[in-house]
Amino acid sequence: MSATAVCATGSCPTPSPSSAPRTALVTGASRGIGRAIARALAADGYRVLANWARSEDAARSLAAEITAAGGACTLVRANVGSPVGLAALVEAARAANRLDVLVHNAALGTFKPVLQVRPNQWQLTMSINVQALLELARGLADLLAASGGVVVSLTSHGGRRVLPNYGAVGVSKAALESLTRYLAAELAPRGVRVNALCAGWVDTDAVRAFPNHGELRAWVEQRVPMGRVAEPGDIADVVRLLVRPEARWITGQVIVADGGESLW
């Protein structure tokens, strides 16, 4: 998909979404939590714009699953860490002529002590985990406002506590939570809600990449009152709740869904 210039917030005519189906854009949708969110929103009747960057087979199987279940899914290959990729996502949403839900799930990080993180690794982590949300919100604010839309980003406990080898990602998640509050305040007058979802430990390929995965998982399992670690579907269901009209009075919040692990 080719990229187009992003229309500056407030400078474009407000689109009318009345004739278009409800639409959700999910970044990092091919695997893990993003995949579960895409499937859940499709099941709720949203046309899903599923973003992916590297996992083509996983992306195609996601689209096949959604369409086989009677849903609608458009795959959008784009690197959210680059201006070209972000422009492609904005273009895809504008081509759909409506955007009700924006879920920023895509994330990247290097797992090492923070003083060992190279400058390019730090910058890439911030670009994908934080700046991508800002640029997507900037480029899609009018579409979201036209539908009374909702923005949800995925964060983690590493944004509030020190976790081994999680420094770069943890700092980016802290910034993401702060950005959530600022976006919520600025977009609320336009009818757009913005929240973050702190998922705690979720059993995905990403967490299995931790160098001390086994040790961390055992530690978390001992702390979770619910007696298990989360599956991606547990988190997707919380996203479903946050985008529902019944959640209309929730904005600017970091919602913790961790099975009670953070109680201790």
C-alpha atoms as a PDB file:
ATOM      1  CA  MET A   1       0.000   0.000   0.000  1.00  0.00           C
ATOM      2  CA  SER A   2       1.331   3.384  -0.902  1.00  0.00           C
ATOM      3  CA  ALA A   3       1.607   6.143   1.653  1.00  0.00           C
ATOM      4  CA  THR A   4      -0.029   9.531   1.487  1.00  0.00           C
ATOM      5  CA  ALA A   5       0.545  12.723   3.397  1.00  0.00           C
ATOM      6  CA  VAL A   6      -1.137  12.767   6.785  1.00  0.00           C
ATOM      7  CA  CYS A   7      -3.845  15.393   7.026  1.00  0.00           C
ATOM      8  CA  ALA A   8      -3.190  17.713   9.952  1.00  0.00           C
ATOM      9  CA  THR A   9      -5.693  17.511  12.793  1.00  0.00           C
ATOM     10  CA  GLY A  10      -8.438  20.047  12.326  1.00  0.00           C
ATOM     11  CA  SER A  11      -7.492  21.006   8.767  1.00  0.00           C
ATOM     12  CA  CYS A  12      -9.584  18.408   6.924  1.00  0.00           C
ATOM     13  CA  PRO A  13     -13.341  18.303   6.389  1.00  0.00           C
ATOM     14  CA  THR A  14     -15.044  16.126   8.984  1.00  0.00           C
ATOM     15  CA  PRO A  15     -16.033  12.888   7.247  1.00  0.00           C
ATOM     16  CA  SER A  16     -19.484  11.372   7.572  1.00  0.00           C
ATOM     17  CA  PRO A  17     -19.300   7.758   8.736  1.00  0.00           C
ATOM     18  CA  SER A  18     -23.043   7.098   8.557  1.00  0.00           C
ATOM     19  CA  SER A  19     -22.935   4.856   5.495  1.00  0.00           C
ATOM     20  CA  ALA A  20     -19.766   2.945   6.394  1.00  0.00           C
ATOM     21  CA  PRO A  21     -19.592  -0.083   8.719  1.00  0.00           C
ATOM     22  CA  ARG A  22     -18.043   0.285  12.146  1.00  0.00           C
ATOM     23  CA  THR A  23     -14.288   0.040  11.732  1.00  0.00           C
ATOM     24  CA  ALA A  24     -11.414  -0.780  14.063  1.00  0.00           C
ATOM     25  CA  LEU A  25      -7.700  -0.378  13.390  1.00  0.00           C
ATOM     26  CA  VAL A  26      -5.436  -2.674  15.415  1.00  0.00           C
ATOM     27  CA  THR A  27      -1.665  -2.289  15.233  1.00  0.00           C
ATOM     28  CA  GLY A  28       0.482  -5.380  15.680  1.00  0.00           C
ATOM     29  CA  ALA A  29      -2.526  -7.579  14.970  1.00  0.00           C
ATOM     30  CA  SER A  30      -0.974 -10.713  13.509  1.00  0.00           C
ATOM     31  CA  ARG A  31       0.057 -12.410  16.760  1.00  0.00           C
ATOM     32  CA  GLY A  32      -0.510 -12.549  20.492  1.00  0.00           C
ATOM     33  CA  ILE A  33      -2.695  -9.946  22.168  1.00  0.00           C
ATOM     34  CA  GLY A  34      -3.219  -7.958  18.963  1.00  0.00           C
ATOM     35  CA  ARG A  35      -4.504 -11.037  17.149  1.00  0.00           C
ATOM     36  CA  ALA A  36      -6.939 -11.804  19.969  1.00  0.00           C
ATOM     37  CA  ILE A  37      -8.174  -8.200  19.941  1.00  0.00           C
ATOM     38  CA  ALA A  38      -8.686  -8.232  16.174  1.00  0.00           C
ATOM     39  CA  ARG A  39     -10.684 -11.457  16.382  1.00  0.00           C
ATOM     40  CA  ALA A  40     -12.791 -10.178  19.286  1.00  0.00           C
ATOM     41  CA  LEU A  41     -13.661  -6.889  17.600  1.00  0.00           C
ATOM     42  CA  ALA A  42     -14.502  -8.695  14.353  1.00  0.00           C
ATOM     43  CA  ALA A  43     -16.824 -10.974  16.326  1.00  0.00           C
ATOM     44  CA  ASP A  44     -18.516  -7.847  17.684  1.00  0.00           C
ATOM     45  CA  GLY A  45     -19.245  -6.658  14.153  1.00  0.00           C
ATOM     46  CA  TYR A  46     -16.340  -4.334  13.440  1.00  0.00           C
ATOM     47  CA  ARG A  47     -14.610  -4.289  10.085  1.00  0.00           C
ATOM     48  CA  VAL A  48     -11.015  -4.799  11.211  1.00  0.00           C
ATOM     49  CA  LEU A  49      -7.983  -3.141   9.674  1.00  0.00           C
ATOM     50  CA  ALA A  50      -5.313  -5.538  10.902  1.00  0.00           C
ATOM     51  CA  ASN A  51      -1.803  -4.112  10.836  1.00  0.00           C
ATOM     52  CA  TRP A  52       1.224  -6.372  10.543  1.00  0.00           C
ATOM     53  CA  ALA A  53       4.891  -5.893   9.709  1.00  0.00           C
ATOM     54  CA  ARG A  54       6.834  -9.175   9.566  1.00  0.00           C
ATOM     55  CA  SER A  55       4.593 -12.197  10.222  1.00  0.00           C
ATOM     56  CA  GLU A  56       2.881 -12.595   6.839  1.00  0.00           C
ATOM     57  CA  ASP A  57       1.699 -16.180   7.385  1.00  0.00           C
ATOM     58  CA  ALA A  58       0.200 -15.258  10.748  1.00  0.00           C
ATOM     59  CA  ALA A  59      -1.498 -12.197   9.254  1.00  0.00           C
ATOM     60  CA  ARG A  60      -3.034 -14.187   6.420  1.00  0.00           C
ATOM     61  CA  SER A  61      -4.288 -16.866   8.790  1.00  0.00           C
ATOM     62  CA  LEU A  62      -5.878 -14.155  10.961  1.00  0.00           C
ATOM     63  CA  ALA A  63      -7.737 -12.740   7.970  1.00  0.00           C
ATOM     64  CA  ALA A  64      -8.844 -16.245   6.983  1.00  0.00           C
ATOM     65  CA  GLU A  65     -10.154 -16.930  10.498  1.00  0.00           C
ATOM     66  CA  ILE A  66     -12.116 -13.697  10.626  1.00  0.00           C
ATOM     67  CA  THR A  67     -13.675 -14.084   7.191  1.00  0.00           C
ATOM     68  CA  ALA A  68     -14.503 -17.757   7.811  1.00  0.00           C
ATOM     69  CA  ALA A  69     -16.442 -16.633  10.885  1.00  0.00           C
ATOM     70  CA  GLY A  70     -18.396 -14.124   8.782  1.00  0.00           C
ATOM     71  CA  GLY A  71     -16.379 -11.037   9.683  1.00  0.00           C
ATOM     72  CA  ALA A  72     -14.490  -8.492   7.612  1.00  0.00           C
ATOM     73  CA  CYS A  73     -10.728  -8.033   7.775  1.00  0.00           C
ATOM     74  CA  THR A  74      -8.323  -5.954   5.700  1.00  0.00           C
ATOM     75  CA  LEU A  75      -4.620  -6.587   6.208  1.00  0.00           C
ATOM     76  CA  VAL A  76      -2.390  -3.522   6.230  1.00  0.00           C
ATOM     77  CA  ARG A  77       1.345  -4.159   6.133  1.00  0.00           C
ATOM     78  CA  ALA A  78       3.167  -1.234   7.713  1.00  0.00           C
ATOM     79  CA  ASN A  79       6.051  -0.585  10.076  1.00  0.00           C
ATOM     80  CA  VAL A  80       4.630   1.741  12.705  1.00  0.00           C
ATOM     81  CA  GLY A  81       8.157   2.791  13.595  1.00  0.00           C
ATOM     82  CA  SER A  82       8.521   4.707  10.327  1.00  0.00           C
ATOM     83  CA  PRO A  83       6.715   7.771   8.936  1.00  0.00           C
ATOM     84  CA  VAL A  84       5.968   5.862   5.715  1.00  0.00           C
ATOM     85  CA  GLY A  85       4.350   3.036   7.648  1.00  0.00           C
ATOM     86  CA  LEU A  86       2.261   5.390   9.774  1.00  0.00           C
ATOM     87  CA  ALA A  87       1.101   7.242   6.672  1.00  0.00           C
ATOM     88  CA  ALA A  88       0.032   3.918   5.147  1.00  0.00           C
ATOM     89  CA  LEU A  89      -2.106   3.157   8.184  1.00  0.00           C
ATOM     90  CA  VAL A  90      -3.705   6.590   8.071  1.00  0.00           C
ATOM     91  CA  GLU A  91      -4.410   6.096   4.379  1.00  0.00           C
ATOM     92  CA  ALA A  92      -6.014   2.697   5.033  1.00  0.00           C
ATOM     93  CA  ALA A  93      -8.340   4.159   7.653  1.00  0.00           C
ATOM     94  CA  ARG A  94      -9.280   7.047   5.375  1.00  0.00           C
ATOM     95  CA  ALA A  95      -9.995   4.612   2.563  1.00  0.00           C
ATOM     96  CA  ALA A  96     -12.432   2.866   4.909  1.00  0.00           C
ATOM     97  CA  ASN A  97     -14.123   6.268   5.412  1.00  0.00           C
ATOM     98  CA  ARG A  98     -14.744   5.548   9.088  1.00  0.00           C
ATOM     99  CA  LEU A  99     -12.832   4.773  12.276  1.00  0.00           C
ATOM    100  CA  ASP A 100     -14.573   3.877  15.523  1.00  0.00           C
ATOM    101  CA  VAL A 101     -11.744   2.165  17.404  1.00  0.00           C
ATOM    102  CA  LEU A 102      -7.975   2.583  17.340  1.00  0.00           C
ATOM    103  CA  VAL A 103      -6.004  -0.009  19.309  1.00  0.00           C
ATOM    104  CA  HIS A 104      -2.273   0.548  19.564  1.00  0.00           C
ATOM    105  CA  ASN A 105      -0.873  -2.841  20.465  1.00  0.00           C
ATOM    106  CA  ALA A 106       2.326  -2.949  18.390  1.00  0.00           C
ATOM    107  CA  ALA A 107       5.412  -2.902  20.587  1.00  0.00           C
ATOM    108  CA  LEU A 108       9.100  -3.578  20.357  1.00  0.00           C
ATOM    109  CA  GLY A 109      11.928  -3.659  22.849  1.00  0.00           C
ATOM    110  CA  THR A 110      15.293  -5.090  23.677  1.00  0.00           C
ATOM    111  CA  PHE A 111      15.569  -7.089  26.859  1.00  0.00           C
ATOM    112  CA  LYS A 112      18.748  -6.062  28.627  1.00  0.00           C
ATOM    113  CA  PRO A 113      19.827  -3.743  31.467  1.00  0.00           C
ATOM    114  CA  VAL A 114      18.921  -0.175  30.589  1.00  0.00           C
ATOM    115  CA  LEU A 115      22.549   1.019  30.641  1.00  0.00           C
ATOM    116  CA  GLN A 116      23.334  -1.551  27.950  1.00  0.00           C
ATOM    117  CA  VAL A 117      20.607  -0.396  25.560  1.00  0.00           C
ATOM    118  CA  ARG A 118      22.160   1.118  22.443  1.00  0.00           C
ATOM    119  CA  PRO A 119      20.906   4.538  21.248  1.00  0.00           C
ATOM    120  CA  ASN A 120      19.335   3.094  18.092  1.00  0.00           C
ATOM    121  CA  GLN A 121      17.514   0.434  20.156  1.00  0.00           C
ATOM    122  CA  TRP A 122      16.220   3.108  22.530  1.00  0.00           C
ATOM    123  CA  GLN A 123      14.992   5.300  19.684  1.00  0.00           C
ATOM    124  CA  LEU A 124      13.255   2.424  17.892  1.00  0.00           C
ATOM    125  CA  THR A 125      11.504   1.349  21.084  1.00  0.00           C
ATOM    126  CA  MET A 126      10.194   4.885  21.666  1.00  0.00           C
ATOM    127  CA  SER A 127       9.157   5.274  18.022  1.00  0.00           C
ATOM    128  CA  ILE A 128       7.044   2.122  17.939  1.00  0.00           C
ATOM    129  CA  ASN A 129       5.728   2.036  21.489  1.00  0.00           C
ATOM    130  CA  VAL A 130       4.949   5.730  22.001  1.00  0.00           C
ATOM    131  CA  GLN A 131       5.372   8.003  19.003  1.00  0.00           C
ATOM    132  CA  ALA A 132       3.291   5.758  16.766  1.00  0.00           C
ATOM    133  CA  LEU A 133       0.239   6.339  18.950  1.00  0.00           C
ATOM    134  CA  LEU A 134       0.754  10.098  18.877  1.00  0.00           C
ATOM    135  CA  GLU A 135       1.077  10.192  15.086  1.00  0.00           C
ATOM    136  CA  LEU A 136      -1.907   7.913  14.500  1.00  0.00           C
ATOM    137  CA  ALA A 137      -4.044   9.986  16.866  1.00  0.00           C
ATOM    138  CA  ARG A 138      -2.889  13.156  15.115  1.00  0.00           C
ATOM    139  CA  GLY A 139      -3.635  11.794  11.655  1.00  0.00           C
ATOM    140  CA  LEU A 140      -6.953  10.119  12.517  1.00  0.00           C
ATOM    141  CA  ALA A 141      -8.459  12.496  15.073  1.00  0.00           C
ATOM    142  CA  ASP A 142     -11.129  13.784  12.685  1.00  0.00           C
ATOM    143  CA  LEU A 143     -12.247  10.273  11.714  1.00  0.00           C
ATOM    144  CA  LEU A 144     -12.442   9.274  15.371  1.00  0.00           C
ATOM    145  CA  ALA A 145     -14.328  12.444  16.260  1.00  0.00           C
ATOM    146  CA  ALA A 146     -16.875  11.849  13.495  1.00  0.00           C
ATOM    147  CA  SER A 147     -17.794   8.474  14.981  1.00  0.00           C
ATOM    148  CA  GLY A 148     -17.369   9.296  18.676  1.00  0.00           C
ATOM    149  CA  GLY A 149     -14.443   6.920  18.624  1.00  0.00           C
ATOM    150  CA  VAL A 150     -12.301   5.210  21.231  1.00  0.00           C
ATOM    151  CA  VAL A 151      -8.525   4.803  21.501  1.00  0.00           C
ATOM    152  CA  VAL A 152      -6.968   2.020  23.557  1.00  0.00           C
ATOM    153  CA  SER A 153      -3.242   1.405  23.983  1.00  0.00           C
ATOM    154  CA  LEU A 154      -1.546  -1.560  25.616  1.00  0.00           C
ATOM    155  CA  THR A 155       0.837  -0.931  28.478  1.00  0.00           C
ATOM    156  CA  SER A 156       2.391  -3.050  31.238  1.00  0.00           C
ATOM    157  CA  HIS A 157       3.517  -3.051  34.855  1.00  0.00           C
ATOM    158  CA  GLY A 158       7.042  -2.283  33.656  1.00  0.00           C
ATOM    159  CA  GLY A 159       5.932   1.319  33.219  1.00  0.00           C
ATOM    160  CA  ARG A 160       5.478   1.660  36.987  1.00  0.00           C
ATOM    161  CA  ARG A 161       7.907  -0.796  38.533  1.00  0.00           C
ATOM    162  CA  VAL A 162      11.400  -2.008  37.810  1.00  0.00           C
ATOM    163  CA  LEU A 163      11.516  -5.370  36.043  1.00  0.00           C
ATOM    164  CA  PRO A 164      14.775  -7.130  35.172  1.00  0.00           C
ATOM    165  CA  ASN A 165      16.046  -6.417  31.642  1.00  0.00           C
ATOM    166  CA  TYR A 166      12.949  -4.315  30.861  1.00  0.00           C
ATOM    167  CA  GLY A 167      14.335  -0.793  31.112  1.00  0.00           C
ATOM    168  CA  ALA A 168      13.797   0.475  27.555  1.00  0.00           C
ATOM    169  CA  VAL A 169      10.321  -1.015  27.254  1.00  0.00           C
ATOM    170  CA  GLY A 170       9.351   0.044  30.756  1.00  0.00           C
ATOM    171  CA  VAL A 171      10.273   3.676  30.155  1.00  0.00           C
ATOM    172  CA  SER A 172       8.348   3.633  26.866  1.00  0.00           C
ATOM    173  CA  LYS A 173       5.275   2.247  28.622  1.00  0.00           C
ATOM    174  CA  ALA A 174       5.470   4.963  31.267  1.00  0.00           C
ATOM    175  CA  ALA A 175       5.556   7.536  28.474  1.00  0.00           C
ATOM    176  CA  LEU A 176       2.622   5.804  26.781  1.00  0.00           C
ATOM    177  CA  GLU A 177       0.535   6.089  29.931  1.00  0.00           C
ATOM    178  CA  SER A 178       1.345   9.787  30.229  1.00  0.00           C
ATOM    179  CA  LEU A 179       0.518  10.320  26.545  1.00  0.00           C
ATOM    180  CA  THR A 180      -2.825   8.600  27.154  1.00  0.00           C
ATOM    181  CA  ARG A 181      -3.763  11.234  29.706  1.00  0.00           C
ATOM    182  CA  TYR A 182      -2.770  14.152  27.484  1.00  0.00           C
ATOM    183  CA  LEU A 183      -4.583  12.744  24.455  1.00  0.00           C
ATOM    184  CA  ALA A 184      -7.673  12.068  26.560  1.00  0.00           C
ATOM    185  CA  ALA A 185      -7.779  15.667  27.755  1.00  0.00           C
ATOM    186  CA  GLU A 186      -7.253  17.133  24.295  1.00  0.00           C
ATOM    187  CA  LEU A 187      -9.630  14.826  22.416  1.00  0.00           C
ATOM    188  CA  ALA A 188     -12.466  14.700  24.956  1.00  0.00           C
ATOM    189  CA  PRO A 189     -14.061  17.933  23.645  1.00  0.00           C
ATOM    190  CA  ARG A 190     -14.274  16.231  20.243  1.00  0.00           C
ATOM    191  CA  GLY A 191     -16.071  13.204  21.687  1.00  0.00           C
ATOM    192  CA  VAL A 192     -13.096  10.813  21.601  1.00  0.00           C
ATOM    193  CA  ARG A 193     -12.158   8.659  24.592  1.00  0.00           C
ATOM    194  CA  VAL A 194      -8.581   7.507  25.207  1.00  0.00           C
ATOM    195  CA  ASN A 195      -7.521   4.846  27.702  1.00  0.00           C
ATOM    196  CA  ALA A 196      -4.620   2.489  28.295  1.00  0.00           C
ATOM    197  CA  LEU A 197      -4.886  -1.136  29.356  1.00  0.00           C
ATOM    198  CA  CYS A 198      -2.197  -2.535  31.654  1.00  0.00           C
ATOM    199  CA  ALA A 199      -2.303  -6.233  30.987  1.00  0.00           C
ATOM    200  CA  GLY A 200       0.246  -7.575  33.424  1.00  0.00           C
ATOM    201  CA  TRP A 201       1.868 -10.866  32.412  1.00  0.00           C
ATOM    202  CA  VAL A 202       0.269 -12.452  29.332  1.00  0.00           C
ATOM    203  CA  ASP A 203       1.383 -15.757  27.834  1.00  0.00           C
ATOM    204  CA  THR A 204       2.622 -14.680  24.383  1.00  0.00           C
ATOM    205  CA  ASP A 205       5.632 -15.204  22.150  1.00  0.00           C
ATOM    206  CA  ALA A 206       6.902 -11.781  23.190  1.00  0.00           C
ATOM    207  CA  VAL A 207       7.246 -12.609  26.880  1.00  0.00           C
ATOM    208  CA  ARG A 208       8.787 -15.967  26.031  1.00  0.00           C
ATOM    209  CA  ALA A 209      11.647 -13.973  24.502  1.00  0.00           C
ATOM    210  CA  PHE A 210      12.667 -12.661  27.941  1.00  0.00           C
ATOM    211  CA  PRO A 211      16.108 -14.036  28.825  1.00  0.00           C
ATOM    212  CA  ASN A 212      14.800 -15.035  32.282  1.00  0.00           C
ATOM    213  CA  HIS A 213      11.318 -16.053  31.106  1.00  0.00           C
ATOM    214  CA  GLY A 214      10.975 -19.163  33.257  1.00  0.00           C
ATOM    215  CA  GLU A 215      12.018 -17.427  36.444  1.00  0.00           C
ATOM    216  CA  LEU A 216       9.702 -14.468  35.826  1.00  0.00           C
ATOM    217  CA  ARG A 217       6.709 -16.630  34.951  1.00  0.00           C
ATOM    218  CA  ALA A 218       7.104 -18.700  38.122  1.00  0.00           C
ATOM    219  CA  TRP A 219       7.343 -15.479  40.156  1.00  0.00           C
ATOM    220  CA  VAL A 220       4.166 -14.084  38.561  1.00  0.00           C
ATOM    221  CA  GLU A 221       2.206 -17.315  38.975  1.00  0.00           C
ATOM    222  CA  GLN A 222       2.916 -17.266  42.695  1.00  0.00           C
ATOM    223  CA  ARG A 223       1.575 -13.713  42.959  1.00  0.00           C
ATOM    224  CA  VAL A 224      -1.611 -13.929  40.884  1.00  0.00           C
ATOM    225  CA  PRO A 225      -4.628 -14.530  43.155  1.00  0.00           C
ATOM    226  CA  MET A 226      -6.563 -15.914  40.185  1.00  0.00           C
ATOM    227  CA  GLY A 227      -4.051 -18.757  40.084  1.00  0.00           C
ATOM    228  CA  ARG A 228      -2.799 -18.474  36.498  1.00  0.00           C
ATOM    229  CA  VAL A 229      -1.199 -16.121  33.994  1.00  0.00           C
ATOM    230  CA  ALA A 230      -3.386 -14.387  31.426  1.00  0.00           C
ATOM    231  CA  GLU A 231      -4.127 -15.596  27.930  1.00  0.00           C
ATOM    232  CA  PRO A 232      -4.458 -13.074  25.056  1.00  0.00           C
ATOM    233  CA  GLY A 233      -8.225 -13.578  25.010  1.00  0.00           C
ATOM    234  CA  ASP A 234      -8.492 -12.334  28.589  1.00  0.00           C
ATOM    235  CA  ILE A 235      -7.049  -9.002  27.510  1.00  0.00           C
ATOM    236  CA  ALA A 236      -9.075  -8.807  24.306  1.00  0.00           C
ATOM    237  CA  ASP A 237     -12.261  -9.079  26.347  1.00  0.00           C
ATOM    238  CA  VAL A 238     -11.255  -6.057  28.430  1.00  0.00           C
ATOM    239  CA  VAL A 239     -10.699  -4.076  25.232  1.00  0.00           C
ATOM    240  CA  ARG A 240     -14.211  -5.075  24.161  1.00  0.00           C
ATOM    241  CA  LEU A 241     -15.529  -3.590  27.397  1.00  0.00           C
ATOM    242  CA  LEU A 242     -13.604  -0.329  27.023  1.00  0.00           C
ATOM    243  CA  VAL A 243     -14.908   0.370  23.525  1.00  0.00           C
ATOM    244  CA  ARG A 244     -18.553  -0.260  24.392  1.00  0.00           C
ATOM    245  CA  PRO A 245     -20.945   2.700  24.814  1.00  0.00           C
ATOM    246  CA  GLU A 246     -21.461   1.638  28.433  1.00  0.00           C
ATOM    247  CA  ALA A 247     -17.844   2.715  29.104  1.00  0.00           C
ATOM    248  CA  ARG A 248     -18.587   6.235  27.846  1.00  0.00           C
ATOM    249  CA  TRP A 249     -17.559   7.868  31.160  1.00  0.00           C
ATOM    250  CA  ILE A 250     -14.116   6.283  31.256  1.00  0.00           C
ATOM    251  CA  THR A 251     -11.317   8.292  29.681  1.00  0.00           C
ATOM    252  CA  GLY A 252      -7.723   9.159  30.484  1.00  0.00           C
ATOM    253  CA  GLN A 253      -7.342   6.053  32.632  1.00  0.00           C
ATOM    254  CA  VAL A 254      -4.892   3.180  32.864  1.00  0.00           C
ATOM    255  CA  ILE A 255      -7.100   0.143  33.431  1.00  0.00           C
ATOM    256  CA  VAL A 256      -5.264  -2.714  35.147  1.00  0.00           C
ATOM    257  CA  ALA A 257      -6.317  -6.236  34.150  1.00  0.00           C
ATOM    258  CA  ASP A 258      -3.811  -8.588  35.750  1.00  0.00           C
ATOM    259  CA  GLY A 259      -5.806 -11.144  37.711  1.00  0.00           C
ATOM    260  CA  GLY A 260      -4.939  -9.291  40.904  1.00  0.00           C
ATOM    261  CA  GLU A 261      -1.162  -9.732  40.589  1.00  0.00           C
ATOM    262  CA  SER A 262      -0.507  -6.057  41.411  1.00  0.00           C
ATOM    263  CA  LEU A 263      -2.415  -6.286  44.701  1.00  0.00           C
ATOM    264  CA  TRP A 264       0.739  -7.490  46.451  1.00  0.00           C
END
